[in-house]
């Protein structure tokens, strides 16, 4: 606009500011004001209100209040919208008293509060069930601001209280509204019915529906569906079905949401096959299932272990033009793999892919992991190749599953190549990757190969405990000499290490009957400012004395005294 010499009005800057705010870029939103200043456009009340709104939405109430002072200094008088923004800011921070104080001060500032000012505070009071304060504020609306409590006021109260689960209070205000001659519509009644149903108070909800008929307020499909859903929540499926029939009797045709509520109830009560039958009969009943309907039945069948049926329903769903999302696909794939039906899982994945469903990396990884669990590495590697062909790039979790499976089968060269391929693609190893690689190499005693691979892995992501894990694994598999050499290398090079692998090695040497080697490990620890476990060293010292090496036993205990970890008198006791 500047280049084309088009006049830029404050409204354009206001739109830009709001857009930055919605994108979460508060700093850039506020920089729009500087942009205005440089463009020579004077701020007006609209842009100031936008700035205050942006600051309030970002939970920067104090900055909004300072901005209010600045706009007044430059001669821009705030209006009711300005104060309403600040009132909401106070309420968002649960500073209800400050919000009410601001309403009371508004007339002194030359700006009377409107109903929005009061409704904002009332909404937050309703949330906390502070009914007395709500009534006090309603009286202030009339006495202080001459604002009449009309039907909108009561509808607002009914909806707010119902939304936050305060059905009894909402019903009291509904009765009060009717006593004052206001007609509450079916939307207000439906809100209370829905609130009762959510609380499991289904009989009271039914009674309220009957009262609606008596007052000439015919319930609509939303009201009935709330009751159907309420019965289903309590497991009263027969009554839910009767309610659907009652809808027909009163000329209110159940819609897809009504039937979906019933199907959801059936599925949660172990009657997924009946739910599936209802979907099959949907055309005869003149209703059309949607994607949510199908998803409800698929999940129900999956929970009951009827996986083949769940796959069939998903296929029907896709044929009808409703595509399951990756999360729904993955739930089914996981269940199939958990049951050991990896062939079915692979076939189902391929079908979803061919039908154009949104299959992602996680779906492939689930099946690959399932195949690896069954030691079906040929299919796992084949599916890994298929990922590339489908333009789905494997992530570190995919690679880790296959690397671990290859190592388990002793195919360590292939595992190494795959690890290097993963690193070449810029993927960062996870702690699970390190554990898998270390375990498989240590089990085969291939320490040098492991260390070369670790160096390349650590260049991508530092794992502080990597060498510790290697030493501990070597000890657990009985490769004490290799563990000792690696510990010496780690300590001499100043690599990341702590006392735990040293103590594991000491324990192993002691259990194998080599207390002198355990003693040497302890000495190396002291030399590198690592303190061994005192009780373990006491055991080593006793074994050394038993084998006639009392001099080394004394030196070991003296090292503790030198490092102020035991008192000299304790040393005398130990020597005796």
Protein backbone atom coordinates (compact mmCIF):
# COMPACT_ATOMS: atom_id res chain seq x y z
CA UNK A 1 0.00 0.00 0.00
CA UNK A 2 2.88 2.34 0.82
CA UNK A 3 4.60 1.61 -2.50
CA UNK A 4 1.37 2.23 -4.42
CA UNK A 5 0.73 5.41 -2.41
CA UNK A 6 -2.57 4.05 -1.11
CA UNK A 7 -3.88 5.83 1.97
CA UNK A 8 -3.41 3.62 5.05
CA UNK A 9 -6.13 4.13 7.62
CA UNK A 10 -5.88 3.01 11.27
CA UNK A 11 -8.31 0.16 10.54
CA UNK A 12 -5.73 -1.55 8.31
CA UNK A 13 -3.12 -1.42 11.08
CA UNK A 14 -5.75 -2.74 13.51
CA UNK A 15 -6.39 -5.82 11.33
CA UNK A 16 -2.66 -6.50 11.11
CA UNK A 17 -2.29 -6.17 14.89
CA UNK A 18 -5.10 -8.65 15.56
CA UNK A 19 -3.63 -11.11 13.03
CA UNK A 20 -0.24 -11.06 14.76
CA UNK A 21 -2.01 -11.53 18.10
CA UNK A 22 -3.91 -14.60 16.85
CA UNK A 23 -0.62 -16.04 15.59
CA UNK A 24 0.81 -15.66 19.11
CA UNK A 25 3.31 -12.96 18.05
CA UNK A 26 2.67 -10.32 20.71
CA UNK A 27 5.88 -8.38 20.13
CA UNK A 28 5.20 -7.97 16.42
CA UNK A 29 1.58 -7.04 17.16
CA UNK A 30 2.70 -4.14 19.35
CA UNK A 31 5.35 -3.12 16.80
CA UNK A 32 2.48 -2.18 14.48
CA UNK A 33 2.06 0.96 16.61
CA UNK A 34 5.66 1.96 15.80
CA UNK A 35 4.95 1.23 12.13
CA UNK A 36 1.98 3.61 12.32
CA UNK A 37 4.09 6.31 13.89
CA UNK A 38 6.74 6.02 11.14
CA UNK A 39 4.00 6.14 8.50
CA UNK A 40 2.68 9.36 10.00
CA UNK A 41 -0.71 7.83 10.84
CA UNK A 42 -2.13 9.13 14.10
CA UNK A 43 -3.57 6.48 16.46
CA UNK A 44 -7.27 6.72 17.18
CA UNK A 45 -9.60 5.03 19.67
CA UNK A 46 -10.01 1.95 17.44
CA UNK A 47 -6.30 1.16 17.30
CA UNK A 48 -5.91 1.83 21.04
CA UNK A 49 -8.77 -0.54 21.85
CA UNK A 50 -7.17 -3.15 19.59
CA UNK A 51 -3.84 -2.77 21.42
CA UNK A 52 -5.51 -3.19 24.81
CA UNK A 53 -7.42 -6.23 23.52
CA UNK A 54 -4.18 -7.78 22.24
CA UNK A 55 -2.43 -7.23 25.59
CA UNK A 56 -5.37 -8.67 27.56
CA UNK A 57 -5.54 -11.78 25.34
CA UNK A 58 -1.80 -12.26 25.95
CA UNK A 59 -2.34 -12.05 29.76
CA UNK A 60 -0.41 -8.76 29.95
CA UNK A 61 -2.99 -6.88 32.00
CA UNK A 62 -0.52 -4.55 33.73
CA UNK A 63 0.83 -3.45 30.35
CA UNK A 64 -2.74 -2.90 29.17
CA UNK A 65 -3.41 -0.64 32.17
CA UNK A 66 -0.23 1.36 31.46
CA UNK A 67 -1.29 1.66 27.82
CA UNK A 68 -4.64 3.06 29.01
CA UNK A 69 -2.79 5.81 30.91
CA UNK A 70 -0.65 6.64 27.86
CA UNK A 71 -3.64 6.92 25.51
CA UNK A 72 -5.33 9.31 27.94
CA UNK A 73 -2.15 11.43 28.09
CA UNK A 74 -2.23 11.90 24.30
CA UNK A 75 -5.88 12.95 24.46
CA UNK A 76 -7.65 9.75 23.39
CA UNK A 77 -10.65 9.14 25.67
CA UNK A 78 -11.46 5.47 26.40
CA UNK A 79 -14.96 4.22 25.71
CA UNK A 80 -17.02 1.31 27.07
CA UNK A 81 -15.22 -1.19 24.79
CA UNK A 82 -11.89 -0.16 26.31
CA UNK A 83 -13.12 -0.78 29.84
CA UNK A 84 -14.86 -4.03 28.87
CA UNK A 85 -11.53 -5.37 27.62
CA UNK A 86 -9.90 -4.52 30.95
CA UNK A 87 -12.81 -6.05 32.89
CA UNK A 88 -12.28 -9.30 31.00
CA UNK A 89 -8.56 -9.08 31.74
CA UNK A 90 -9.26 -8.81 35.47
CA UNK A 91 -11.69 -11.76 35.31
CA UNK A 92 -9.21 -13.93 33.38
CA UNK A 93 -6.78 -13.44 36.26
CA UNK A 94 -9.56 -14.20 38.77
CA UNK A 95 -9.43 -10.62 40.07
CA UNK A 96 -13.21 -10.34 40.22
CA UNK A 97 -13.18 -7.63 42.91
CA UNK A 98 -10.99 -5.39 40.72
CA UNK A 99 -13.35 -5.96 37.80
CA UNK A 100 -16.37 -4.92 39.91
CA UNK A 101 -14.46 -1.88 41.23
CA UNK A 102 -13.72 -0.82 37.65
CA UNK A 103 -17.43 -1.08 36.77
CA UNK A 104 -18.26 1.13 39.75
CA UNK A 105 -15.63 3.73 38.75
CA UNK A 106 -16.64 3.90 35.08
CA UNK A 107 -19.39 6.57 35.56
CA UNK A 108 -16.83 8.86 37.29
CA UNK A 109 -14.62 8.48 34.21
CA UNK A 110 -17.44 9.68 31.96
CA UNK A 111 -18.33 6.25 30.59
CA UNK A 112 -21.28 4.21 31.86
CA UNK A 113 -20.98 0.40 31.88
CA UNK A 114 -23.21 -1.55 29.51
CA UNK A 115 -24.67 -5.03 29.85
CA UNK A 116 -21.53 -6.61 28.41
CA UNK A 117 -19.56 -5.15 31.32
CA UNK A 118 -21.87 -6.86 33.81
CA UNK A 119 -22.30 -10.09 31.81
CA UNK A 120 -18.53 -10.57 31.64
CA UNK A 121 -18.21 -10.57 35.43
CA UNK A 122 -21.44 -12.55 35.90
CA UNK A 123 -20.04 -15.27 33.62
CA UNK A 124 -17.00 -15.76 35.82
CA UNK A 125 -19.12 -15.69 39.00
CA UNK A 126 -21.40 -18.37 37.51
CA UNK A 127 -18.37 -20.55 36.84
CA UNK A 128 -17.54 -20.50 40.58
CA UNK A 129 -21.22 -20.87 41.60
CA UNK A 130 -21.13 -17.54 43.48
CA UNK A 131 -24.87 -17.00 43.13
CA UNK A 132 -25.23 -14.37 45.88
CA UNK A 133 -22.64 -12.16 44.16
CA UNK A 134 -24.43 -12.71 40.85
CA UNK A 135 -27.68 -11.42 42.37
CA UNK A 136 -25.89 -8.45 43.96
CA UNK A 137 -24.43 -7.53 40.59
CA UNK A 138 -27.82 -7.86 38.90
CA UNK A 139 -29.25 -5.40 41.44
CA UNK A 140 -26.38 -3.01 40.72
CA UNK A 141 -27.21 -3.22 37.02
CA UNK A 142 -30.61 -1.73 37.81
CA UNK A 143 -29.75 0.64 40.67
CA UNK A 144 -26.39 2.03 39.49
CA UNK A 145 -26.59 1.80 35.69
CA UNK A 146 -30.34 1.80 34.98
CA UNK A 147 -29.94 -1.37 32.93
CA UNK A 148 -33.11 -3.47 32.95
CA UNK A 149 -32.89 -7.22 33.63
CA UNK A 150 -34.43 -8.51 30.43
CA UNK A 151 -34.80 -11.88 28.76
CA UNK A 152 -31.22 -11.71 27.43
CA UNK A 153 -29.96 -11.36 31.01
CA UNK A 154 -31.75 -14.49 32.15
CA UNK A 155 -30.83 -16.48 29.03
CA UNK A 156 -27.20 -15.54 29.63
CA UNK A 157 -27.37 -16.69 33.25
CA UNK A 158 -29.13 -19.96 32.36
CA UNK A 159 -26.57 -20.84 29.69
CA UNK A 160 -23.55 -19.89 31.78
CA UNK A 161 -24.67 -21.86 34.84
CA UNK A 162 -25.67 -24.88 32.75
CA UNK A 163 -22.36 -24.84 30.90
CA UNK A 164 -20.43 -25.04 34.18
CA UNK A 165 -22.59 -27.84 35.61
CA UNK A 166 -24.80 -25.82 37.97
CA UNK A 167 -28.16 -27.10 36.72
CA UNK A 168 -30.15 -26.39 39.93
CA UNK A 169 -29.12 -22.73 40.00
CA UNK A 170 -29.86 -22.41 36.27
CA UNK A 171 -33.33 -23.90 36.84
CA UNK A 172 -34.00 -21.39 39.66
CA UNK A 173 -33.21 -18.51 37.31
CA UNK A 174 -35.41 -20.10 34.62
CA UNK A 175 -38.34 -20.21 37.07
CA UNK A 176 -37.65 -16.61 38.12
CA UNK A 177 -37.61 -15.47 34.49
CA UNK A 178 -40.96 -17.16 33.81
CA UNK A 179 -42.48 -15.61 36.95
CA UNK A 180 -41.43 -12.18 35.67
CA UNK A 181 -43.19 -12.82 32.38
CA UNK A 182 -40.20 -13.74 30.24
CA UNK A 183 -40.52 -16.70 27.92
CA UNK A 184 -37.52 -19.03 28.04
CA UNK A 185 -37.09 -20.79 24.71
CA UNK A 186 -36.24 -24.45 24.11
CA UNK A 187 -32.55 -23.60 23.81
CA UNK A 188 -32.49 -22.48 27.45
CA UNK A 189 -34.42 -25.58 28.56
CA UNK A 190 -32.10 -27.80 26.49
CA UNK A 191 -29.05 -26.33 28.21
CA UNK A 192 -30.41 -27.30 31.65
CA UNK A 193 -31.53 -30.74 30.41
CA UNK A 194 -28.04 -31.35 29.05
CA UNK A 195 -26.49 -30.26 32.37
CA UNK A 196 -28.77 -32.63 34.34
CA UNK A 197 -27.86 -35.51 32.00
CA UNK A 198 -24.13 -34.85 32.38
CA UNK A 199 -24.57 -35.10 36.16
CA UNK A 200 -26.42 -38.42 35.77
CA UNK A 201 -29.73 -36.90 37.00
CA UNK A 202 -31.70 -38.38 34.14
CA UNK A 203 -35.12 -38.49 35.85
CA UNK A 204 -34.99 -34.75 36.56
CA UNK A 205 -34.01 -34.18 32.93
CA UNK A 206 -37.03 -36.24 31.78
CA UNK A 207 -39.33 -34.31 34.10
CA UNK A 208 -38.08 -31.02 32.67
CA UNK A 209 -38.77 -32.26 29.14
CA UNK A 210 -42.37 -33.08 30.18
CA UNK A 211 -42.73 -29.59 31.69
CA UNK A 212 -41.63 -28.12 28.36
CA UNK A 213 -44.68 -29.76 26.70
CA UNK A 214 -46.99 -28.39 29.39
CA UNK A 215 -45.71 -24.86 28.76
CA UNK A 216 -46.03 -25.11 25.00
CA UNK A 217 -42.29 -25.21 24.46
CA UNK A 218 -41.84 -28.25 22.21
CA UNK A 219 -38.46 -29.97 22.73
CA UNK A 220 -36.27 -30.19 19.66
CA UNK A 221 -33.82 -32.87 18.53
CA UNK A 222 -31.03 -31.33 20.66
CA UNK A 223 -33.07 -31.69 23.86
CA UNK A 224 -34.05 -35.30 23.13
CA UNK A 225 -30.52 -36.24 22.11
CA UNK A 226 -29.21 -34.92 25.44
CA UNK A 227 -31.61 -37.26 27.27
CA UNK A 228 -30.70 -40.22 25.02
CA UNK A 229 -27.04 -39.57 25.75
CA UNK A 230 -27.81 -39.32 29.48
CA UNK A 231 -29.53 -42.73 29.52
CA UNK A 232 -26.59 -44.23 27.61
CA UNK A 233 -24.11 -42.80 30.14
CA UNK A 234 -25.98 -44.66 32.90
CA UNK A 235 -26.16 -47.86 30.84
CA UNK A 236 -29.96 -47.64 30.54
CA UNK A 237 -30.00 -48.59 26.88
CA UNK A 238 -33.64 -49.76 26.73
CA UNK A 239 -34.85 -46.39 27.98
CA UNK A 240 -32.55 -44.63 25.48
CA UNK A 241 -34.21 -46.64 22.68
CA UNK A 242 -37.66 -45.77 24.02
CA UNK A 243 -36.69 -42.08 24.00
CA UNK A 244 -35.82 -42.36 20.29
CA UNK A 245 -39.27 -43.88 19.64
CA UNK A 246 -40.88 -41.09 21.69
CA UNK A 247 -39.15 -38.56 19.44
CA UNK A 248 -40.95 -40.02 16.42
CA UNK A 249 -44.29 -39.92 18.28
CA UNK A 250 -43.87 -36.20 18.97
CA UNK A 251 -42.94 -35.44 15.37
CA UNK A 252 -39.26 -34.91 16.08
CA UNK A 253 -37.11 -37.00 13.77
CA UNK A 254 -33.87 -38.29 15.37
CA UNK A 255 -30.78 -37.17 13.48
CA UNK A 256 -27.33 -38.69 13.05
CA UNK A 257 -26.16 -37.23 16.38
CA UNK A 258 -29.09 -38.92 18.19
CA UNK A 259 -28.29 -42.33 16.70
CA UNK A 260 -24.56 -41.86 17.27
CA UNK A 261 -25.25 -41.21 20.96
CA UNK A 262 -27.18 -44.51 21.18
CA UNK A 263 -24.48 -46.41 19.24
CA UNK A 264 -21.84 -45.00 21.58
CA UNK A 265 -23.85 -46.26 24.55
CA UNK A 266 -24.16 -49.73 22.99
CA UNK A 267 -20.42 -49.88 22.30
CA UNK A 268 -19.50 -48.83 25.84
CA UNK A 269 -21.75 -51.56 27.21
CA UNK A 270 -20.24 -54.40 25.17
CA UNK A 271 -22.88 -54.42 22.43
CA UNK A 272 -20.77 -53.32 19.49
CA UNK A 273 -22.21 -56.00 17.17
CA UNK A 274 -25.72 -54.60 17.78
CA UNK A 275 -24.35 -51.12 17.03
CA UNK A 276 -22.90 -52.40 13.77
CA UNK A 277 -26.27 -53.94 12.88
CA UNK A 278 -27.92 -50.54 13.47
CA UNK A 279 -25.51 -48.94 11.00
CA UNK A 280 -26.44 -51.59 8.44
CA UNK A 281 -30.15 -50.76 8.99
CA UNK A 282 -29.59 -46.98 8.79
CA UNK A 283 -31.01 -46.61 5.26
CA UNK A 284 -34.27 -48.31 6.33
CA UNK A 285 -34.48 -46.00 9.36
CA UNK A 286 -33.87 -42.95 7.14
CA UNK A 287 -30.73 -41.67 8.78
CA UNK A 288 -27.17 -41.40 7.48
CA UNK A 289 -24.12 -42.38 9.55
CA UNK A 290 -21.19 -39.94 9.49
CA UNK A 291 -17.48 -40.38 10.17
CA UNK A 292 -18.00 -40.07 13.96
CA UNK A 293 -20.69 -42.77 13.87
CA UNK A 294 -18.37 -45.20 12.13
CA UNK A 295 -15.45 -44.32 14.42
CA UNK A 296 -17.57 -45.03 17.50
CA UNK A 297 -18.46 -48.52 16.24
CA UNK A 298 -14.90 -49.28 15.10
CA UNK A 299 -13.53 -48.37 18.54
CA UNK A 300 -16.23 -50.45 20.23
CA UNK A 301 -15.45 -53.54 18.13
CA UNK A 302 -11.73 -53.04 18.71
CA UNK A 303 -12.20 -52.80 22.49
CA UNK A 304 -14.14 -56.09 22.43
CA UNK A 305 -11.37 -57.77 20.43
CA UNK A 306 -13.49 -58.14 17.28
CA UNK A 307 -10.69 -56.89 15.09
CA UNK A 308 -11.76 -58.43 11.78
CA UNK A 309 -15.20 -56.82 12.14
CA UNK A 310 -13.56 -53.51 13.06
CA UNK A 311 -11.48 -53.67 9.87
CA UNK A 312 -14.61 -54.47 7.83
CA UNK A 313 -16.47 -51.46 9.28
CA UNK A 314 -13.48 -49.25 8.51
CA UNK A 315 -13.55 -50.48 4.90
CA UNK A 316 -17.29 -49.68 4.72
CA UNK A 317 -16.52 -46.27 6.18
CA UNK A 318 -13.92 -45.56 3.48
CA UNK A 319 -16.23 -46.80 0.72
CA UNK A 320 -18.86 -44.31 1.95
CA UNK A 321 -16.32 -41.49 1.60
CA UNK A 322 -15.42 -41.12 5.29
CA UNK A 323 -11.69 -41.48 5.91
CA UNK A 324 -10.35 -42.47 9.34
CA UNK A 325 -7.59 -40.26 10.70
CA UNK A 326 -4.06 -41.62 11.44
CA UNK A 327 -4.84 -41.95 15.18
CA UNK A 328 -7.88 -44.16 14.50
CA UNK A 329 -5.90 -46.24 11.99
CA UNK A 330 -3.08 -46.65 14.50
CA UNK A 331 -5.39 -47.83 17.29
CA UNK A 332 -6.58 -50.65 15.06
CA UNK A 333 -3.07 -51.51 13.85
CA UNK A 334 -1.80 -51.63 17.45
CA UNK A 335 -4.60 -54.00 18.46
CA UNK A 336 -3.90 -56.30 15.50
CA UNK A 337 -0.15 -56.36 16.25
CA UNK A 338 -0.80 -56.96 19.96
CA UNK A 339 -2.89 -60.01 19.02
CA UNK A 340 -0.04 -61.23 16.78
CA UNK A 341 -2.07 -60.62 13.60
CA UNK A 342 0.74 -58.74 11.86
CA UNK A 343 -0.18 -60.05 8.39
CA UNK A 344 -3.68 -58.59 8.77
CA UNK A 345 -2.18 -55.35 10.11
CA UNK A 346 0.13 -55.06 7.10
CA UNK A 347 -2.71 -55.82 4.68
CA UNK A 348 -4.98 -53.28 6.40
CA UNK A 349 -2.25 -50.62 6.25
CA UNK A 350 -1.75 -51.23 2.52
CA UNK A 351 -5.52 -50.98 1.93
CA UNK A 352 -5.72 -47.67 3.79
CA UNK A 353 -2.79 -46.36 1.77
CA UNK A 354 -4.31 -47.44 -1.56
CA UNK A 355 -7.70 -45.92 -0.67
CA UNK A 356 -6.10 -42.52 -0.01
CA UNK A 357 -6.40 -42.46 3.79
CA UNK A 358 -4.05 -40.14 5.70
CA UNK A 359 -1.50 -42.80 6.65
CA UNK A 360 1.54 -41.40 8.47
CA UNK A 361 4.97 -42.54 9.71
CA UNK A 362 3.56 -43.70 13.06
CA UNK A 363 1.20 -46.14 11.30
CA UNK A 364 4.09 -47.70 9.36
CA UNK A 365 6.23 -47.81 12.51
CA UNK A 366 3.49 -49.62 14.46
CA UNK A 367 3.33 -52.42 11.87
CA UNK A 368 7.12 -52.59 11.48
CA UNK A 369 7.48 -52.89 15.27
CA UNK A 370 4.83 -55.64 15.31
CA UNK A 371 6.67 -57.55 12.58
CA UNK A 372 9.96 -57.17 14.49
CA UNK A 373 8.29 -58.52 17.63
CA UNK A 374 7.32 -61.63 15.65
CA UNK A 375 10.88 -61.90 14.26
CA UNK A 376 9.51 -61.39 10.75
CA UNK A 377 12.43 -59.25 9.63
CA UNK A 378 11.96 -59.88 5.89
CA UNK A 379 8.53 -58.22 5.92
CA UNK A 380 9.73 -55.51 8.32
CA UNK A 381 12.60 -54.52 6.00
CA UNK A 382 10.28 -54.74 3.00
CA UNK A 383 7.81 -52.38 4.68
CA UNK A 384 10.67 -50.03 5.55
CA UNK A 385 11.47 -49.83 1.83
CA UNK A 386 7.78 -49.26 1.07
CA UNK A 387 7.87 -46.20 3.32
CA UNK A 388 10.38 -44.54 1.02
CA UNK A 389 8.29 -45.45 -2.04
CA UNK A 390 5.21 -43.90 -0.35
CA UNK A 391 7.19 -40.75 0.49
CA UNK A 392 6.83 -41.46 4.21
CA UNK A 393 10.23 -40.93 5.75
CA UNK A 394 11.06 -43.25 8.67
CA UNK A 395 11.83 -41.53 11.95
CA UNK A 396 14.25 -42.53 14.71
CA UNK A 397 11.62 -44.77 16.36
CA UNK A 398 11.18 -46.75 13.11
CA UNK A 399 14.93 -47.23 12.70
CA UNK A 400 15.42 -48.16 16.38
CA UNK A 401 12.81 -50.96 16.15
CA UNK A 402 14.50 -52.52 13.11
CA UNK A 403 18.06 -52.00 14.43
CA UNK A 404 17.18 -53.76 17.70
CA UNK A 405 15.48 -56.65 15.84
CA UNK A 406 18.49 -57.13 13.54
CA UNK A 407 20.84 -57.12 16.54
CA UNK A 408 18.66 -59.65 18.32
CA UNK A 409 19.05 -62.00 15.35
CA UNK A 410 22.83 -61.49 15.31
CA UNK A 411 22.73 -59.55 12.04
CA UNK A 412 24.96 -56.88 13.52
CA UNK A 413 26.50 -55.68 10.22
CA UNK A 414 23.06 -54.91 8.81
CA UNK A 415 22.13 -53.17 12.07
CA UNK A 416 25.31 -51.06 11.81
CA UNK A 417 24.56 -50.06 8.21
CA UNK A 418 21.02 -49.07 9.17
CA UNK A 419 22.30 -47.02 12.13
CA UNK A 420 24.76 -45.18 9.87
CA UNK A 421 21.98 -44.61 7.33
CA UNK A 422 19.81 -43.13 10.08
CA UNK A 423 22.63 -40.79 11.17
CA UNK A 424 23.33 -39.77 7.56
CA UNK A 425 19.70 -38.66 7.25
CA UNK A 426 20.26 -36.29 10.17
CA UNK A 427 18.07 -38.20 12.63
CA UNK A 428 19.06 -37.78 16.28
CA UNK A 429 19.39 -41.03 18.31
CA UNK A 430 17.14 -41.32 21.36
CA UNK A 431 18.09 -42.95 24.70
CA UNK A 432 16.20 -46.05 23.48
CA UNK A 433 18.40 -46.18 20.36
CA UNK A 434 21.54 -46.04 22.50
CA UNK A 435 20.26 -48.78 24.80
CA UNK A 436 19.35 -51.05 21.87
CA UNK A 437 22.71 -50.63 20.10
CA UNK A 438 24.78 -50.97 23.29
CA UNK A 439 22.91 -54.08 24.45
CA UNK A 440 23.29 -55.95 21.15
CA UNK A 441 27.00 -55.13 20.62
CA UNK A 442 27.95 -55.85 24.24
CA UNK A 443 26.16 -59.18 24.14
CA UNK A 444 28.46 -60.19 21.28
CA UNK A 445 31.54 -58.65 22.93
CA UNK A 446 32.24 -56.36 19.94
CA UNK A 447 33.54 -53.45 21.97
CA UNK A 448 35.77 -51.75 19.38
CA UNK A 449 33.02 -51.81 16.73
CA UNK A 450 30.59 -50.42 19.28
CA UNK A 451 32.91 -47.58 20.29
CA UNK A 452 33.42 -46.55 16.66
CA UNK A 453 29.66 -46.49 16.13
CA UNK A 454 29.09 -44.61 19.41
CA UNK A 455 31.48 -41.86 18.34
CA UNK A 456 29.38 -41.27 15.23
CA UNK A 457 26.13 -41.40 17.21
CA UNK A 458 27.44 -38.97 19.84
CA UNK A 459 28.35 -36.48 17.11
CA UNK A 460 24.59 -36.08 16.50
CA UNK A 461 23.37 -36.09 20.08
CA UNK A 462 25.37 -36.26 23.31
CA UNK A 463 24.25 -39.06 25.61
CA UNK A 464 25.90 -38.48 29.00
CA UNK A 465 25.43 -42.08 30.15
CA UNK A 466 26.44 -43.85 26.92
CA UNK A 467 29.85 -45.08 28.13
CA UNK A 468 28.44 -45.90 31.56
CA UNK A 469 25.84 -48.10 29.88
CA UNK A 470 28.53 -49.88 27.83
CA UNK A 471 30.66 -50.65 30.93
CA UNK A 472 27.66 -51.90 32.90
CA UNK A 473 26.45 -54.08 29.99
CA UNK A 474 29.93 -55.57 29.49
CA UNK A 475 30.01 -56.44 33.18
CA UNK A 476 26.57 -58.04 33.03
CA UNK A 477 27.68 -60.23 30.10
CA UNK A 478 30.96 -61.15 31.86
CA UNK A 479 33.39 -59.19 29.68
CA UNK A 480 35.26 -57.75 32.67
CA UNK A 481 38.59 -57.21 30.94
CA UNK A 482 36.95 -55.22 28.13
CA UNK A 483 34.94 -53.22 30.70
CA UNK A 484 38.15 -52.44 32.64
CA UNK A 485 39.94 -51.23 29.50
CA UNK A 486 37.01 -49.04 28.51
CA UNK A 487 36.78 -47.56 32.03
CA UNK A 488 40.50 -46.72 31.86
CA UNK A 489 39.98 -45.03 28.48
CA UNK A 490 36.95 -43.08 29.71
CA UNK A 491 38.71 -41.84 32.87
CA UNK A 492 42.00 -40.98 31.14
CA UNK A 493 40.26 -39.02 28.36
CA UNK A 494 38.03 -37.13 30.79
CA UNK A 495 34.85 -38.33 29.08
CA UNK A 496 31.44 -38.16 30.73
CA UNK A 497 31.49 -40.75 33.55
CA UNK A 498 30.27 -41.16 37.09
CA UNK A 499 30.78 -43.60 39.94
CA UNK A 500 28.03 -46.09 38.98
CA UNK A 501 29.87 -48.10 36.25
CA UNK A 502 33.03 -48.19 38.41
CA UNK A 503 31.07 -49.65 41.32
CA UNK A 504 29.43 -52.22 39.01
CA UNK A 505 32.89 -53.31 37.84
CA UNK A 506 34.15 -53.50 41.43
CA UNK A 507 31.16 -55.66 42.42
CA UNK A 508 31.84 -57.98 39.48
CA UNK A 509 35.54 -58.34 40.31
CA UNK A 510 34.67 -59.05 43.96
CA UNK A 511 32.05 -61.66 43.05
CA UNK A 512 34.53 -63.38 40.70
CA UNK A 513 37.15 -63.53 43.50
CA UNK A 514 39.45 -60.73 42.28
CA UNK A 515 39.55 -58.25 45.20
CA UNK A 516 42.91 -56.83 44.07
CA UNK A 517 41.42 -55.77 40.72
CA UNK A 518 38.46 -54.23 42.57
CA UNK A 519 40.99 -52.37 44.77
CA UNK A 520 42.72 -50.99 41.65
CA UNK A 521 39.40 -49.72 40.26
CA UNK A 522 38.75 -47.93 43.58
CA UNK A 523 42.21 -46.31 43.42
CA UNK A 524 41.53 -45.09 39.90
CA UNK A 525 38.28 -43.58 41.12
CA UNK A 526 40.08 -41.65 43.88
CA UNK A 527 42.66 -40.44 41.36
CA UNK A 528 39.85 -38.95 39.25
CA UNK A 529 37.93 -37.41 42.19
CA UNK A 530 35.24 -40.10 42.18
CA UNK A 531 34.45 -41.51 45.63
CA UNK A 532 33.70 -45.27 45.87
CA UNK A 533 30.98 -46.72 48.06
CA UNK A 534 32.33 -47.12 51.61
CA UNK A 535 30.48 -50.35 52.39
CA UNK A 536 31.66 -51.92 49.14
CA UNK A 537 35.24 -50.89 49.90
CA UNK A 538 34.93 -52.42 53.39
CA UNK A 539 34.09 -55.74 51.70
CA UNK A 540 37.06 -55.36 49.34
CA UNK A 541 39.34 -54.52 52.30
CA UNK A 542 38.23 -57.60 54.26
CA UNK A 543 38.84 -59.86 51.24
CA UNK A 544 42.27 -58.32 50.72
CA UNK A 545 43.21 -58.98 54.37
CA UNK A 546 41.88 -62.53 54.02
CA UNK A 547 44.23 -63.04 51.03
CA UNK A 548 47.21 -61.55 52.91
CA UNK A 549 47.20 -58.17 51.19
CA UNK A 550 46.77 -56.05 54.32
CA UNK A 551 48.94 -53.22 52.94
CA UNK A 552 46.48 -52.61 50.04
CA UNK A 553 43.57 -52.87 52.50
CA UNK A 554 45.12 -50.15 54.69
CA UNK A 555 45.83 -47.91 51.69
CA UNK A 556 42.21 -48.22 50.53
CA UNK A 557 40.86 -47.11 53.89
CA UNK A 558 43.43 -44.32 54.22
CA UNK A 559 42.23 -42.89 50.92
CA UNK A 560 38.80 -42.40 52.51
CA UNK A 561 40.42 -40.59 55.46
CA UNK A 562 42.40 -38.37 53.08
CA UNK A 563 39.16 -37.41 51.33
CA UNK A 564 37.42 -36.67 54.68
CA UNK A 565 34.84 -39.42 54.18
CA UNK A 566 35.59 -41.29 57.42
CA UNK A 567 37.16 -40.17 60.71
CA UNK A 568 40.63 -41.45 61.81
CA UNK A 569 39.11 -43.26 64.82
CA UNK A 570 36.83 -45.18 62.43
CA UNK A 571 39.93 -46.13 60.46
CA UNK A 572 41.53 -47.59 63.62
CA UNK A 573 38.37 -49.58 64.26
CA UNK A 574 38.37 -50.91 60.70
CA UNK A 575 42.07 -51.89 60.95
CA UNK A 576 41.48 -53.73 64.22
